[in-house]
Amino acid sequence: MTAASPTAVTLSLLARIEAKPGKEAEVEALLRSAVGLAAEEPRTVHWFALRIGPTTFGIFDTFADEVGRKEHLAGRIAAALMAKAPELLAAPPVIEHVDIIAAKG
């Protein structure tokens, strides 16, 4: 499968992740290590790990179709994050399904 053109990318996920106090470095390391897993997902067009604040992180990724978005949610990154959630996160991740209405790419 070839990468989708920016105009074909209309779906995304936005996940907000809150680290437990003192676990910020471990959450950041987990997110940094996940980029390799994202690279293995042919239907994930873009994948970004974000630091929003001292204890708040995020993931933003894009997809050309709903199949890609569903595969990503059932994939290795989500599994790794949920496996570490009790140890590292103050609350479960907040995951929003987002529609992209305009993009520059």
C-alpha atoms as a PDB file:
ATOM      1  CA  MET A   1       0.000   0.000   0.000  1.00  0.00           C
ATOM      2  CA  THR A   2       1.351   3.418  -0.848  1.00  0.00           C
ATOM      3  CA  ALA A   3       1.090   6.397   1.448  1.00  0.00           C
ATOM      4  CA  ALA A   4      -2.058   8.449   1.081  1.00  0.00           C
ATOM      5  CA  SER A   5      -1.841  11.959  -0.288  1.00  0.00           C
ATOM      6  CA  PRO A   6      -2.455  14.725   2.270  1.00  0.00           C
ATOM      7  CA  THR A   7      -5.828  15.497   0.691  1.00  0.00           C
ATOM      8  CA  ALA A   8      -6.916  11.862   1.130  1.00  0.00           C
ATOM      9  CA  VAL A   9      -6.196  11.901   4.861  1.00  0.00           C
ATOM     10  CA  THR A  10      -9.491  12.710   6.548  1.00  0.00           C
ATOM     11  CA  LEU A  11      -9.539  10.696   9.759  1.00  0.00           C
ATOM     12  CA  SER A  12      -7.446  10.923  12.890  1.00  0.00           C
ATOM     13  CA  LEU A  13      -7.195  10.047  16.531  1.00  0.00           C
ATOM     14  CA  LEU A  14      -6.255  12.416  19.313  1.00  0.00           C
ATOM     15  CA  ALA A  15      -5.258  10.773  22.587  1.00  0.00           C
ATOM     16  CA  ARG A  16      -4.601  12.734  25.766  1.00  0.00           C
ATOM     17  CA  ILE A  17      -2.398  10.976  28.315  1.00  0.00           C
ATOM     18  CA  GLU A  18      -1.833  12.109  31.903  1.00  0.00           C
ATOM     19  CA  ALA A  19       1.255  10.729  33.657  1.00  0.00           C
ATOM     20  CA  LYS A  20       1.303   9.908  37.337  1.00  0.00           C
ATOM     21  CA  PRO A  21       3.530  12.286  39.330  1.00  0.00           C
ATOM     22  CA  GLY A  22       7.124  11.161  38.983  1.00  0.00           C
ATOM     23  CA  LYS A  23       6.374   8.970  35.938  1.00  0.00           C
ATOM     24  CA  GLU A  24       6.698  11.674  33.262  1.00  0.00           C
ATOM     25  CA  ALA A  25      10.093  10.506  31.980  1.00  0.00           C
ATOM     26  CA  GLU A  26       8.845   6.932  31.662  1.00  0.00           C
ATOM     27  CA  VAL A  27       5.740   8.016  29.739  1.00  0.00           C
ATOM     28  CA  GLU A  28       7.901  10.118  27.418  1.00  0.00           C
ATOM     29  CA  ALA A  29      10.283   7.196  26.865  1.00  0.00           C
ATOM     30  CA  LEU A  30       7.363   4.875  26.100  1.00  0.00           C
ATOM     31  CA  LEU A  31       5.973   7.315  23.532  1.00  0.00           C
ATOM     32  CA  ARG A  32       9.395   7.869  21.944  1.00  0.00           C
ATOM     33  CA  SER A  33       9.871   4.122  21.591  1.00  0.00           C
ATOM     34  CA  ALA A  34       6.463   3.714  19.919  1.00  0.00           C
ATOM     35  CA  VAL A  35       7.500   5.568  16.756  1.00  0.00           C
ATOM     36  CA  GLY A  36       9.065   2.357  15.452  1.00  0.00           C
ATOM     37  CA  LEU A  37       5.780   0.523  15.923  1.00  0.00           C
ATOM     38  CA  ALA A  38       3.932   3.311  14.114  1.00  0.00           C
ATOM     39  CA  ALA A  39       6.342   2.972  11.197  1.00  0.00           C
ATOM     40  CA  GLU A  40       5.255  -0.658  10.851  1.00  0.00           C
ATOM     41  CA  GLU A  41       1.592   0.335  10.361  1.00  0.00           C
ATOM     42  CA  PRO A  42       1.075   0.915   6.626  1.00  0.00           C
ATOM     43  CA  ARG A  43      -2.392   2.437   7.145  1.00  0.00           C
ATOM     44  CA  THR A  44      -1.180   4.987   9.713  1.00  0.00           C
ATOM     45  CA  VAL A  45      -0.265   7.948   7.512  1.00  0.00           C
ATOM     46  CA  HIS A  46       1.105  10.285  10.212  1.00  0.00           C
ATOM     47  CA  TRP A  47       1.932   9.622  13.866  1.00  0.00           C
ATOM     48  CA  PHE A  48       2.989  12.245  16.401  1.00  0.00           C
ATOM     49  CA  ALA A  49       3.799  11.931  20.099  1.00  0.00           C
ATOM     50  CA  LEU A  50       3.299  15.215  21.950  1.00  0.00           C
ATOM     51  CA  ARG A  51       4.203  16.778  25.262  1.00  0.00           C
ATOM     52  CA  ILE A  52       1.436  19.210  26.143  1.00  0.00           C
ATOM     53  CA  GLY A  53       2.460  20.129  29.690  1.00  0.00           C
ATOM     54  CA  PRO A  54       4.568  18.912  32.617  1.00  0.00           C
ATOM     55  CA  THR A  55       2.523  15.723  33.105  1.00  0.00           C
ATOM     56  CA  THR A  56       0.307  15.778  30.009  1.00  0.00           C
ATOM     57  CA  PHE A  57       1.169  13.987  26.772  1.00  0.00           C
ATOM     58  CA  GLY A  58      -0.671  13.181  23.612  1.00  0.00           C
ATOM     59  CA  ILE A  59      -0.703  11.155  20.446  1.00  0.00           C
ATOM     60  CA  PHE A  60      -2.093  12.477  17.170  1.00  0.00           C
ATOM     61  CA  ASP A  61      -2.251  10.213  14.155  1.00  0.00           C
ATOM     62  CA  THR A  62      -3.957  10.275  10.776  1.00  0.00           C
ATOM     63  CA  PHE A  63      -5.553   7.727   8.485  1.00  0.00           C
ATOM     64  CA  ALA A  64      -6.988   7.647   4.979  1.00  0.00           C
ATOM     65  CA  ASP A  65      -9.814   5.315   5.995  1.00  0.00           C
ATOM     66  CA  GLU A  66     -11.696   3.856   8.932  1.00  0.00           C
ATOM     67  CA  VAL A  67      -9.999   0.475   8.495  1.00  0.00           C
ATOM     68  CA  GLY A  68      -6.625   2.080   9.253  1.00  0.00           C
ATOM     69  CA  ARG A  69      -7.976   3.873  12.300  1.00  0.00           C
ATOM     70  CA  LYS A  70      -9.533   0.675  13.689  1.00  0.00           C
ATOM     71  CA  GLU A  71      -6.369  -1.352  13.012  1.00  0.00           C
ATOM     72  CA  HIS A  72      -4.311   1.244  14.860  1.00  0.00           C
ATOM     73  CA  LEU A  73      -6.612   1.169  17.891  1.00  0.00           C
ATOM     74  CA  ALA A  74      -6.253  -2.618  18.003  1.00  0.00           C
ATOM     75  CA  GLY A  75      -2.501  -2.529  17.356  1.00  0.00           C
ATOM     76  CA  ARG A  76       0.731  -2.824  19.266  1.00  0.00           C
ATOM     77  CA  ILE A  77       1.005   0.828  20.364  1.00  0.00           C
ATOM     78  CA  ALA A  78      -2.387   0.767  22.070  1.00  0.00           C
ATOM     79  CA  ALA A  79      -1.569  -2.589  23.652  1.00  0.00           C
ATOM     80  CA  ALA A  80       1.771  -1.319  24.992  1.00  0.00           C
ATOM     81  CA  LEU A  81       0.185   1.833  26.378  1.00  0.00           C
ATOM     82  CA  MET A  82      -2.655  -0.036  28.071  1.00  0.00           C
ATOM     83  CA  ALA A  83      -0.242  -2.610  29.534  1.00  0.00           C
ATOM     84  CA  LYS A  84       1.691   0.190  31.231  1.00  0.00           C
ATOM     85  CA  ALA A  85      -1.334   2.352  32.103  1.00  0.00           C
ATOM     86  CA  PRO A  86      -1.804   1.175  35.719  1.00  0.00           C
ATOM     87  CA  GLU A  87       1.864   1.833  36.477  1.00  0.00           C
ATOM     88  CA  LEU A  88       2.393   5.089  34.569  1.00  0.00           C
ATOM     89  CA  LEU A  89      -0.912   6.900  34.012  1.00  0.00           C
ATOM     90  CA  ALA A  90      -3.007   8.945  36.423  1.00  0.00           C
ATOM     91  CA  ALA A  91      -6.168   8.080  34.449  1.00  0.00           C
ATOM     92  CA  PRO A  92      -7.073   6.078  31.360  1.00  0.00           C
ATOM     93  CA  PRO A  93      -6.129   7.822  28.088  1.00  0.00           C
ATOM     94  CA  VAL A  94      -8.845  10.010  26.590  1.00  0.00           C
ATOM     95  CA  ILE A  95      -9.112   8.994  22.929  1.00  0.00           C
ATOM     96  CA  GLU A  96     -11.118  11.086  20.501  1.00  0.00           C
ATOM     97  CA  HIS A  97     -12.040  10.205  16.914  1.00  0.00           C
ATOM     98  CA  VAL A  98     -11.354  13.364  14.914  1.00  0.00           C
ATOM     99  CA  ASP A  99     -12.292  14.300  11.345  1.00  0.00           C
ATOM    100  CA  ILE A 100      -9.730  16.419   9.491  1.00  0.00           C
ATOM    101  CA  ILE A 101     -11.513  19.228   7.665  1.00  0.00           C
ATOM    102  CA  ALA A 102      -8.469  21.039   6.236  1.00  0.00           C
ATOM    103  CA  ALA A 103      -4.737  20.377   6.018  1.00  0.00           C
ATOM    104  CA  LYS A 104      -1.564  21.788   4.543  1.00  0.00           C
ATOM    105  CA  GLY A 105       0.784  19.123   3.346  1.00  0.00           C
END
